C-alpha atoms as a PDB file:
ATOM      1  CA  UNK A   1    -146.776  -8.482  12.001  1.00  0.00           C
ATOM      2  CA  UNK A   2    -149.334 -11.054  10.764  1.00  0.00           C
ATOM      3  CA  UNK A   3    -152.083  -9.718   8.203  1.00  0.00           C
ATOM      4  CA  UNK A   4    -155.788  -9.992   8.786  1.00  0.00           C
ATOM      5  CA  UNK A   5    -157.743 -11.680   6.120  1.00  0.00           C
ATOM      6  CA  UNK A   6    -160.677  -9.354   6.824  1.00  0.00           C
ATOM      7  CA  UNK A   7    -159.895  -5.801   5.459  1.00  0.00           C
ATOM      8  CA  UNK A   8    -161.518  -3.099   2.920  1.00  0.00           C
ATOM      9  CA  UNK A   9    -159.448  -0.835   0.596  1.00  0.00           C
ATOM     10  CA  UNK A  10    -161.111   2.215  -1.591  1.00  0.00           C
ATOM     11  CA  UNK A  11    -159.945   4.511  -3.886  1.00  0.00           C
ATOM     12  CA  UNK A  12    -161.586   7.031  -6.438  1.00  0.00           C
ATOM     13  CA  UNK A  13    -160.771   9.695  -8.966  1.00  0.00           C
ATOM     14  CA  UNK A  14    -163.421  12.036 -11.058  1.00  0.00           C
ATOM     15  CA  UNK A  15    -164.120   8.877 -13.324  1.00  0.00           C
ATOM     16  CA  UNK A  16    -164.539   5.705 -11.390  1.00  0.00           C
ATOM     17  CA  UNK A  17    -164.073   4.422  -7.700  1.00  0.00           C
ATOM     18  CA  UNK A  18    -162.525   1.110  -6.646  1.00  0.00           C
ATOM     19  CA  UNK A  19    -163.400  -1.005  -3.821  1.00  0.00           C
ATOM     20  CA  UNK A  20    -161.340  -4.034  -2.716  1.00  0.00           C
ATOM     21  CA  UNK A  21    -162.886  -6.288   0.024  1.00  0.00           C
ATOM     22  CA  UNK A  22    -161.120  -9.078   1.481  1.00  0.00           C
ATOM     23  CA  UNK A  23    -162.669 -11.915   3.669  1.00  0.00           C
ATOM     24  CA  UNK A  24    -161.939 -15.240   5.374  1.00  0.00           C
ATOM     25  CA  UNK A  25    -161.090 -18.193   3.201  1.00  0.00           C
ATOM     26  CA  UNK A  26    -158.581 -21.198   3.684  1.00  0.00           C
ATOM     27  CA  UNK A  27    -157.503 -20.724  -0.113  1.00  0.00           C
ATOM     28  CA  UNK A  28    -157.137 -17.606  -2.427  1.00  0.00           C
ATOM     29  CA  UNK A  29    -159.978 -16.666  -4.240  1.00  0.00           C
ATOM     30  CA  UNK A  30    -160.208 -13.417  -6.494  1.00  0.00           C
ATOM     31  CA  UNK A  31    -163.693 -12.240  -7.849  1.00  0.00           C
ATOM     32  CA  UNK A  32    -163.687  -9.460 -10.291  1.00  0.00           C
ATOM     33  CA  UNK A  33    -167.057  -7.509 -10.621  1.00  0.00           C
ATOM     34  CA  UNK A  34    -166.057  -5.114 -13.453  1.00  0.00           C
ATOM     35  CA  UNK A  35    -168.241  -2.755 -15.636  1.00  0.00           C
ATOM     36  CA  UNK A  36    -168.337  -3.813 -19.459  1.00  0.00           C
ATOM     37  CA  UNK A  37    -165.850  -1.261 -20.434  1.00  0.00           C
ATOM     38  CA  UNK A  38    -163.109  -3.051 -18.271  1.00  0.00           C
ATOM     39  CA  UNK A  39    -163.613  -6.328 -19.783  1.00  0.00           C
ATOM     40  CA  UNK A  40    -160.274  -6.078 -21.750  1.00  0.00           C
ATOM     41  CA  UNK A  41    -158.517  -5.019 -18.921  1.00  0.00           C
ATOM     42  CA  UNK A  42    -159.728  -7.986 -16.657  1.00  0.00           C
ATOM     43  CA  UNK A  43    -156.403 -10.212 -16.936  1.00  0.00           C
ATOM     44  CA  UNK A  44    -154.165  -7.291 -16.025  1.00  0.00           C
ATOM     45  CA  UNK A  45    -156.640  -6.498 -13.138  1.00  0.00           C
ATOM     46  CA  UNK A  46    -156.594 -10.124 -11.955  1.00  0.00           C
ATOM     47  CA  UNK A  47    -152.735 -10.406 -12.410  1.00  0.00           C
ATOM     48  CA  UNK A  48    -152.471  -7.240 -10.340  1.00  0.00           C
ATOM     49  CA  UNK A  49    -154.503  -8.381  -7.431  1.00  0.00           C
ATOM     50  CA  UNK A  50    -153.071 -11.983  -7.563  1.00  0.00           C
ATOM     51  CA  UNK A  51    -149.368 -10.786  -7.053  1.00  0.00           C
ATOM     52  CA  UNK A  52    -150.326  -8.876  -3.783  1.00  0.00           C
ATOM     53  CA  UNK A  53    -152.802 -11.085  -2.064  1.00  0.00           C
ATOM     54  CA  UNK A  54    -151.710 -14.554  -0.537  1.00  0.00           C
ATOM     55  CA  UNK A  55    -154.700 -15.681   1.038  1.00  0.00           C
ATOM     56  CA  UNK A  56    -158.385 -14.707   1.557  1.00  0.00           C
ATOM     57  CA  UNK A  57    -161.793 -14.332  -0.474  1.00  0.00           C
ATOM     58  CA  UNK A  58    -160.952 -11.292  -2.729  1.00  0.00           C
ATOM     59  CA  UNK A  59    -163.872  -9.223  -4.222  1.00  0.00           C
ATOM     60  CA  UNK A  60    -162.859  -6.332  -6.582  1.00  0.00           C
ATOM     61  CA  UNK A  61    -165.528  -3.775  -7.481  1.00  0.00           C
ATOM     62  CA  UNK A  62    -165.067  -0.958  -9.966  1.00  0.00           C
ATOM     63  CA  UNK A  63    -168.001   1.661 -10.361  1.00  0.00           C
ATOM     64  CA  UNK A  64    -168.022   4.349 -13.100  1.00  0.00           C
ATOM     65  CA  UNK A  65    -169.058   7.566 -12.528  1.00  0.00           C
ATOM     66  CA  UNK A  66    -171.557   8.234 -15.376  1.00  0.00           C
ATOM     67  CA  UNK A  67    -171.967  12.011 -14.373  1.00  0.00           C
ATOM     68  CA  UNK A  68    -168.374  12.846 -14.972  1.00  0.00           C
ATOM     69  CA  UNK A  69    -168.038  10.502 -17.890  1.00  0.00           C
ATOM     70  CA  UNK A  70    -170.968  12.017 -19.856  1.00  0.00           C
ATOM     71  CA  UNK A  71    -171.617  15.087 -21.731  1.00  0.00           C
ATOM     72  CA  UNK A  72    -175.019  16.596 -22.591  1.00  0.00           C
ATOM     73  CA  UNK A  73    -175.656  18.352 -25.907  1.00  0.00           C
ATOM     74  CA  UNK A  74    -179.170  20.197 -26.737  1.00  0.00           C
ATOM     75  CA  UNK A  75    -180.563  20.374 -30.068  1.00  0.00           C
ATOM     76  CA  UNK A  76    -181.483  23.829 -29.932  1.00  0.00           C
ATOM     77  CA  UNK A  77    -183.209  23.879 -33.632  1.00  0.00           C
ATOM     78  CA  UNK A  78    -184.998  21.018 -32.822  1.00  0.00           C
ATOM     79  CA  UNK A  79    -186.527  22.759 -29.692  1.00  0.00           C
ATOM     80  CA  UNK A  80    -187.362  25.965 -31.176  1.00  0.00           C
ATOM     81  CA  UNK A  81    -189.161  23.935 -34.192  1.00  0.00           C
ATOM     82  CA  UNK A  82    -191.229  21.743 -31.823  1.00  0.00           C
ATOM     83  CA  UNK A  83    -192.059  24.943 -29.378  1.00  0.00           C
ATOM     84  CA  UNK A  84    -193.243  26.716 -32.355  1.00  0.00           C
ATOM     85  CA  UNK A  85    -195.752  24.007 -33.725  1.00  0.00           C
ATOM     86  CA  UNK A  86    -196.934  23.215 -30.122  1.00  0.00           C
ATOM     87  CA  UNK A  87    -197.716  27.146 -29.578  1.00  0.00           C
ATOM     88  CA  UNK A  88    -199.363  27.340 -32.953  1.00  0.00           C
ATOM     89  CA  UNK A  89    -201.247  24.198 -31.998  1.00  0.00           C
ATOM     90  CA  UNK A  90    -202.422  25.538 -28.806  1.00  0.00           C
ATOM     91  CA  UNK A  91    -203.625  28.851 -30.371  1.00  0.00           C
ATOM     92  CA  UNK A  92    -205.734  26.817 -33.084  1.00  0.00           C
ATOM     93  CA  UNK A  93    -207.266  24.904 -30.269  1.00  0.00           C
ATOM     94  CA  UNK A  94    -207.961  28.076 -27.935  1.00  0.00           C
ATOM     95  CA  UNK A  95    -205.821  26.683 -25.369  1.00  0.00           C
ATOM     96  CA  UNK A  96    -204.531  29.600 -23.258  1.00  0.00           C
ATOM     97  CA  UNK A  97    -202.074  27.496 -21.054  1.00  0.00           C
ATOM     98  CA  UNK A  98    -198.225  27.579 -21.402  1.00  0.00           C
ATOM     99  CA  UNK A  99    -196.589  25.054 -23.134  1.00  0.00           C
ATOM    100  CA  UNK A 100    -195.094  22.373 -20.553  1.00  0.00           C
ATOM    101  CA  UNK A 101    -191.523  22.159 -21.114  1.00  0.00           C
ATOM    102  CA  UNK A 102    -191.345  18.615 -20.234  1.00  0.00           C
ATOM    103  CA  UNK A 103    -193.939  17.434 -22.811  1.00  0.00           C
ATOM    104  CA  UNK A 104    -191.440  18.633 -25.379  1.00  0.00           C
ATOM    105  CA  UNK A 105    -188.183  17.221 -23.615  1.00  0.00           C
ATOM    106  CA  UNK A 106    -189.604  13.663 -22.824  1.00  0.00           C
ATOM    107  CA  UNK A 107    -191.693  13.082 -25.721  1.00  0.00           C
ATOM    108  CA  UNK A 108    -189.642  14.226 -28.898  1.00  0.00           C
ATOM    109  CA  UNK A 109    -186.211  12.270 -29.312  1.00  0.00           C
ATOM    110  CA  UNK A 110    -183.415  14.122 -30.044  1.00  0.00           C
ATOM    111  CA  UNK A 111    -183.480  17.678 -28.070  1.00  0.00           C
ATOM    112  CA  UNK A 112    -181.552  16.096 -25.312  1.00  0.00           C
ATOM    113  CA  UNK A 113    -178.695  13.852 -26.355  1.00  0.00           C
ATOM    114  CA  UNK A 114    -176.024  12.197 -23.900  1.00  0.00           C
ATOM    115  CA  UNK A 115    -172.615  11.351 -25.117  1.00  0.00           C
ATOM    116  CA  UNK A 116    -169.933   9.516 -23.940  1.00  0.00           C
ATOM    117  CA  UNK A 117    -166.625  11.306 -23.423  1.00  0.00           C
ATOM    118  CA  UNK A 118    -163.660  10.260 -24.848  1.00  0.00           C
ATOM    119  CA  UNK A 119    -162.955   6.674 -23.045  1.00  0.00           C
ATOM    120  CA  UNK A 120    -159.124   6.487 -24.195  1.00  0.00           C
ATOM    121  CA  UNK A 121    -157.948   8.452 -21.523  1.00  0.00           C
ATOM    122  CA  UNK A 122    -160.692   7.260 -18.942  1.00  0.00           C
ATOM    123  CA  UNK A 123    -159.595   3.798 -19.214  1.00  0.00           C
ATOM    124  CA  UNK A 124    -156.037   4.111 -19.492  1.00  0.00           C
ATOM    125  CA  UNK A 125    -154.549   0.802 -17.723  1.00  0.00           C
ATOM    126  CA  UNK A 126    -151.569   2.993 -16.243  1.00  0.00           C
ATOM    127  CA  UNK A 127    -154.202   5.244 -14.614  1.00  0.00           C
ATOM    128  CA  UNK A 128    -156.078   2.421 -13.467  1.00  0.00           C
ATOM    129  CA  UNK A 129    -153.447   0.695 -12.109  1.00  0.00           C
ATOM    130  CA  UNK A 130    -152.133   3.444 -10.164  1.00  0.00           C
ATOM    131  CA  UNK A 131    -155.789   3.916  -8.667  1.00  0.00           C
ATOM    132  CA  UNK A 132    -155.784   0.102  -7.797  1.00  0.00           C
ATOM    133  CA  UNK A 133    -152.266   0.511  -6.140  1.00  0.00           C
ATOM    134  CA  UNK A 134    -153.980   3.183  -3.778  1.00  0.00           C
ATOM    135  CA  UNK A 135    -156.914   0.778  -3.158  1.00  0.00           C
ATOM    136  CA  UNK A 136    -154.598  -1.932  -2.178  1.00  0.00           C
ATOM    137  CA  UNK A 137    -152.356   0.312  -0.023  1.00  0.00           C
ATOM    138  CA  UNK A 138    -155.573   1.133   1.861  1.00  0.00           C
ATOM    139  CA  UNK A 139    -156.533  -2.595   2.063  1.00  0.00           C
ATOM    140  CA  UNK A 140    -153.227  -3.620   3.585  1.00  0.00           C
ATOM    141  CA  UNK A 141    -152.989  -0.557   5.776  1.00  0.00           C
ATOM    142  CA  UNK A 142    -156.283  -2.152   7.291  1.00  0.00           C
ATOM    143  CA  UNK A 143    -155.267  -5.929   7.254  1.00  0.00           C
ATOM    144  CA  UNK A 144    -151.941  -4.733   9.115  1.00  0.00           C
ATOM    145  CA  UNK A 145    -154.167  -2.940  11.973  1.00  0.00           C
ATOM    146  CA  UNK A 146    -156.479  -5.873  12.298  1.00  0.00           C
ATOM    147  CA  UNK A 147    -153.755  -8.199  12.209  1.00  0.00           C
ATOM    148  CA  UNK A 148    -151.683  -6.473  15.087  1.00  0.00           C
ATOM    149  CA  UNK A 149    -155.054  -6.732  17.384  1.00  0.00           C
ATOM    150  CA  UNK A 150    -155.356 -10.442  16.702  1.00  0.00           C
ATOM    151  CA  UNK A 151    -151.545 -11.063  17.230  1.00  0.00           C
ATOM    152  CA  UNK A 152    -151.762  -9.330  20.354  1.00  0.00           C
ATOM    153  CA  UNK A 153    -154.636 -11.298  21.637  1.00  0.00           C
ATOM    154  CA  UNK A 154    -153.265 -14.708  20.384  1.00  0.00           C
ATOM    155  CA  UNK A 155    -149.792 -13.907  22.311  1.00  0.00           C
ATOM    156  CA  UNK A 156    -151.721 -12.975  25.508  1.00  0.00           C
ATOM    157  CA  UNK A 157    -153.438 -16.274  25.209  1.00  0.00           C
ATOM    158  CA  UNK A 158    -150.354 -18.262  24.415  1.00  0.00           C
ATOM    159  CA  UNK A 159    -148.781 -16.546  27.624  1.00  0.00           C
ATOM    160  CA  UNK A 160    -151.747 -17.673  29.596  1.00  0.00           C
ATOM    161  CA  UNK A 161    -151.075 -21.265  28.477  1.00  0.00           C
ATOM    162  CA  UNK A 162    -147.586 -21.040  29.341  1.00  0.00           C
ATOM    163  CA  UNK A 163    -148.487 -20.294  33.028  1.00  0.00           C
ATOM    164  CA  UNK A 164    -150.623 -23.111  33.023  1.00  0.00           C
ATOM    165  CA  UNK A 165    -147.870 -25.269  31.831  1.00  0.00           C
ATOM    166  CA  UNK A 166    -145.821 -24.244  34.460  1.00  0.00           C
ATOM    167  CA  UNK A 167    -148.462 -25.094  37.083  1.00  0.00           C
ATOM    168  CA  UNK A 168    -148.913 -28.455  35.669  1.00  0.00           C
ATOM    169  CA  UNK A 169    -145.055 -29.246  36.188  1.00  0.00           C
ATOM    170  CA  UNK A 170    -145.783 -28.194  40.079  1.00  0.00           C
ATOM    171  CA  UNK A 171    -148.924 -30.154  40.208  1.00  0.00           C
ATOM    172  CA  UNK A 172    -147.351 -33.222  38.723  1.00  0.00           C
ATOM    173  CA  UNK A 173    -144.687 -33.346  41.143  1.00  0.00           C
ATOM    174  CA  UNK A 174    -147.347 -33.194  43.925  1.00  0.00           C
ATOM    175  CA  UNK A 175    -149.130 -35.891  42.175  1.00  0.00           C
ATOM    176  CA  UNK A 176    -146.140 -38.199  42.017  1.00  0.00           C
ATOM    177  CA  UNK A 177    -145.480 -37.599  45.592  1.00  0.00           C
ATOM    178  CA  UNK A 178    -148.924 -38.414  46.548  1.00  0.00           C
ATOM    179  CA  UNK A 179    -149.410 -41.210  44.494  1.00  0.00           C
ATOM    180  CA  UNK A 180    -146.220 -42.875  45.317  1.00  0.00           C
ATOM    181  CA  UNK A 181    -147.075 -42.934  49.027  1.00  0.00           C
ATOM    182  CA  UNK A 182    -150.716 -44.288  48.274  1.00  0.00           C
ATOM    183  CA  UNK A 183    -149.238 -46.884  45.988  1.00  0.00           C
ATOM    184  CA  UNK A 184    -146.585 -47.812  48.617  1.00  0.00           C
ATOM    185  CA  UNK A 185    -149.002 -48.303  51.219  1.00  0.00           C
ATOM    186  CA  UNK A 186    -151.462 -50.385  49.024  1.00  0.00           C
ATOM    187  CA  UNK A 187    -148.803 -52.657  48.103  1.00  0.00           C
ATOM    188  CA  UNK A 188    -147.104 -53.248  52.059  1.00  0.00           C
ATOM    189  CA  UNK A 189    -150.814 -53.818  52.940  1.00  0.00           C
ATOM    190  CA  UNK A 190    -151.655 -56.362  50.356  1.00  0.00           C
ATOM    191  CA  UNK A 191    -148.392 -58.213  49.446  1.00  0.00           C
ATOM    192  CA  UNK A 192    -146.106 -57.161  52.636  1.00  0.00           C
ATOM    193  CA  UNK A 193    -143.284 -56.852  50.435  1.00  0.00           C
ATOM    194  CA  UNK A 194    -140.075 -55.248  51.380  1.00  0.00           C
ATOM    195  CA  UNK A 195    -138.961 -51.369  50.737  1.00  0.00           C
ATOM    196  CA  UNK A 196    -136.779 -52.144  47.541  1.00  0.00           C
ATOM    197  CA  UNK A 197    -139.391 -54.181  45.839  1.00  0.00           C
ATOM    198  CA  UNK A 198    -142.107 -51.707  46.675  1.00  0.00           C
ATOM    199  CA  UNK A 199    -140.043 -49.033  45.301  1.00  0.00           C
ATOM    200  CA  UNK A 200    -139.205 -51.018  42.202  1.00  0.00           C
ATOM    201  CA  UNK A 201    -143.198 -51.539  41.505  1.00  0.00           C
ATOM    202  CA  UNK A 202    -143.920 -47.873  42.266  1.00  0.00           C
ATOM    203  CA  UNK A 203    -141.483 -46.756  39.624  1.00  0.00           C
ATOM    204  CA  UNK A 204    -142.983 -49.052  37.048  1.00  0.00           C
ATOM    205  CA  UNK A 205    -146.450 -47.690  37.814  1.00  0.00           C
ATOM    206  CA  UNK A 206    -145.453 -44.272  37.473  1.00  0.00           C
ATOM    207  CA  UNK A 207    -144.208 -44.854  34.171  1.00  0.00           C
ATOM    208  CA  UNK A 208    -147.380 -45.233  32.915  1.00  0.00           C
ATOM    209  CA  UNK A 209    -148.440 -41.684  34.271  1.00  0.00           C
ATOM    210  CA  UNK A 210    -145.240 -39.796  32.758  1.00  0.00           C
ATOM    211  CA  UNK A 211    -146.421 -36.929  30.843  1.00  0.00           C
ATOM    212  CA  UNK A 212    -142.993 -35.031  30.704  1.00  0.00           C
ATOM    213  CA  UNK A 213    -142.932 -35.504  26.884  1.00  0.00           C
ATOM    214  CA  UNK A 214    -146.284 -33.996  26.621  1.00  0.00           C
ATOM    215  CA  UNK A 215    -145.383 -31.103  28.363  1.00  0.00           C
ATOM    216  CA  UNK A 216    -142.039 -30.532  26.412  1.00  0.00           C
ATOM    217  CA  UNK A 217    -143.937 -31.042  23.272  1.00  0.00           C
ATOM    218  CA  UNK A 218    -146.893 -28.215  24.434  1.00  0.00           C
ATOM    219  CA  UNK A 219    -144.031 -25.772  25.484  1.00  0.00           C
ATOM    220  CA  UNK A 220    -142.373 -26.033  22.288  1.00  0.00           C
ATOM    221  CA  UNK A 221    -145.608 -25.864  20.322  1.00  0.00           C
ATOM    222  CA  UNK A 222    -146.457 -22.481  22.304  1.00  0.00           C
ATOM    223  CA  UNK A 223    -142.996 -20.996  21.614  1.00  0.00           C
ATOM    224  CA  UNK A 224    -143.424 -21.606  17.926  1.00  0.00           C
ATOM    225  CA  UNK A 225    -146.544 -19.679  18.045  1.00  0.00           C
ATOM    226  CA  UNK A 226    -144.904 -16.671  19.790  1.00  0.00           C
ATOM    227  CA  UNK A 227    -142.245 -16.681  17.424  1.00  0.00           C
ATOM    228  CA  UNK A 228    -144.681 -17.168  14.223  1.00  0.00           C
ATOM    229  CA  UNK A 229    -147.095 -13.857  15.537  1.00  0.00           C
ATOM    230  CA  UNK A 230    -143.748 -11.701  15.962  1.00  0.00           C
ATOM    231  CA  UNK A 231    -142.664 -12.343  12.255  1.00  0.00           C
ATOM    232  CA  UNK A 232    -144.190 -11.836   8.817  1.00  0.00           C
ATOM    233  CA  UNK A 233    -145.665 -13.702   5.955  1.00  0.00           C
ATOM    234  CA  UNK A 234    -148.323 -16.358   5.721  1.00  0.00           C
ATOM    235  CA  UNK A 235    -148.649 -17.952   9.346  1.00  0.00           C
ATOM    236  CA  UNK A 236    -152.420 -18.900   9.739  1.00  0.00           C
ATOM    237  CA  UNK A 237    -152.075 -22.532   8.381  1.00  0.00           C
ATOM    238  CA  UNK A 238    -148.891 -22.916  10.438  1.00  0.00           C
ATOM    239  CA  UNK A 239    -150.318 -21.895  13.708  1.00  0.00           C
ATOM    240  CA  UNK A 240    -153.435 -23.854  12.994  1.00  0.00           C
ATOM    241  CA  UNK A 241    -151.435 -26.952  12.657  1.00  0.00           C
ATOM    242  CA  UNK A 242    -149.582 -26.010  15.865  1.00  0.00           C
ATOM    243  CA  UNK A 243    -153.356 -25.751  17.698  1.00  0.00           C
ATOM    244  CA  UNK A 244    -154.295 -29.248  16.469  1.00  0.00           C
ATOM    245  CA  UNK A 245    -150.744 -30.500  18.044  1.00  0.00           C
ATOM    246  CA  UNK A 246    -151.559 -28.784  21.430  1.00  0.00           C
ATOM    247  CA  UNK A 247    -155.209 -30.359  21.586  1.00  0.00           C
ATOM    248  CA  UNK A 248    -153.859 -33.596  20.862  1.00  0.00           C
ATOM    249  CA  UNK A 249    -150.927 -33.442  23.679  1.00  0.00           C
ATOM    250  CA  UNK A 250    -153.646 -31.899  25.998  1.00  0.00           C
ATOM    251  CA  UNK A 251    -155.817 -34.930  25.254  1.00  0.00           C
ATOM    252  CA  UNK A 252    -152.848 -37.480  26.206  1.00  0.00           C
ATOM    253  CA  UNK A 253    -152.331 -35.729  29.533  1.00  0.00           C
ATOM    254  CA  UNK A 254    -156.108 -35.981  30.569  1.00  0.00           C
ATOM    255  CA  UNK A 255    -156.248 -39.737  29.194  1.00  0.00           C
ATOM    256  CA  UNK A 256    -152.746 -40.599  31.357  1.00  0.00           C
ATOM    257  CA  UNK A 257    -153.666 -38.598  34.563  1.00  0.00           C
ATOM    258  CA  UNK A 258    -156.807 -38.040  36.683  1.00  0.00           C
ATOM    259  CA  UNK A 259    -155.600 -35.456  39.147  1.00  0.00           C
ATOM    260  CA  UNK A 260    -157.879 -32.450  39.777  1.00  0.00           C
ATOM    261  CA  UNK A 261    -155.527 -29.495  39.509  1.00  0.00           C
ATOM    262  CA  UNK A 262    -153.733 -30.966  36.424  1.00  0.00           C
ATOM    263  CA  UNK A 263    -157.437 -31.706  34.924  1.00  0.00           C
ATOM    264  CA  UNK A 264    -158.365 -27.987  35.649  1.00  0.00           C
ATOM    265  CA  UNK A 265    -154.908 -26.878  33.871  1.00  0.00           C
ATOM    266  CA  UNK A 266    -155.472 -28.769  30.906  1.00  0.00           C
ATOM    267  CA  UNK A 267    -158.908 -27.865  30.515  1.00  0.00           C
ATOM    268  CA  UNK A 268    -157.841 -24.362  30.622  1.00  0.00           C
ATOM    269  CA  UNK A 269    -155.478 -25.006  27.986  1.00  0.00           C
ATOM    270  CA  UNK A 270    -157.861 -26.600  25.824  1.00  0.00           C
ATOM    271  CA  UNK A 271    -160.158 -23.545  25.901  1.00  0.00           C
ATOM    272  CA  UNK A 272    -157.677 -21.119  25.328  1.00  0.00           C
ATOM    273  CA  UNK A 273    -156.305 -22.984  22.269  1.00  0.00           C
ATOM    274  CA  UNK A 274    -159.673 -23.162  20.907  1.00  0.00           C
ATOM    275  CA  UNK A 275    -159.894 -19.666  20.916  1.00  0.00           C
ATOM    276  CA  UNK A 276    -156.529 -19.200  19.438  1.00  0.00           C
ATOM    277  CA  UNK A 277    -157.656 -21.637  16.705  1.00  0.00           C
ATOM    278  CA  UNK A 278    -160.799 -19.502  16.284  1.00  0.00           C
ATOM    279  CA  UNK A 279    -158.696 -16.089  15.706  1.00  0.00           C
ATOM    280  CA  UNK A 280    -156.035 -17.529  13.490  1.00  0.00           C
ATOM    281  CA  UNK A 281    -158.838 -18.380  10.873  1.00  0.00           C
ATOM    282  CA  UNK A 282    -158.682 -14.526  10.346  1.00  0.00           C
ATOM    283  CA  UNK A 283    -154.977 -14.852   9.658  1.00  0.00           C
ATOM    284  CA  UNK A 284    -153.267 -15.169   6.341  1.00  0.00           C
END
């Protein structure tokens, strides 16, 4: 089944979380939003994402869990000395209030120290790679689910176009019959020709209104679309090309024949085709 370009994948462990967002784009575009600690791994991250994605705008975000990556150490000796000095100061100045601990902690540097844990294990590529693969798996799961929905809807619209083509074929027979009788009558009235000459003239005139080739090509294009959405791989650009051809053949029919029922069907085909074209913009 085809894949949607719009999706989101997520994974995390105790040190960091990874978000991968995929959006519509005609081309492949990969944007990495990495913390400074990951800059040395950027080529590896890019290569991994690039090998898995075929089309779309991809944004990759890595967030480091600072709480898990930080240890706190308290300088007990410094705290005790500061507390004693403040206590003596309060006594000398006659202040009977308790010493506010936040004054000590916030105004005396070195009492509380934050230290980064050993980063060798945290930023190990193999661990990061495995986490990326989990996020990518989640991304592709959503791409598949959304792609199946789009494919189902596109197939439904393609089937409706097939019905309209069958209707046009029947209406075309009726058009030729009505038009032939009308032309014969006019030629007979104006030129008073015999039946053989009239039939020859009618055939030449009807050749200008022949749409059999257009109907055959339209049927072929729709069949190709249905086959493509049953398969795998990058199909968005292929279907986009086919929808352009469907639009062109439809316009040719409209320019050749001005027959109400056929015109209605062709307009329906163009509307359905435009909807398919909108939807395939979201397919790889």
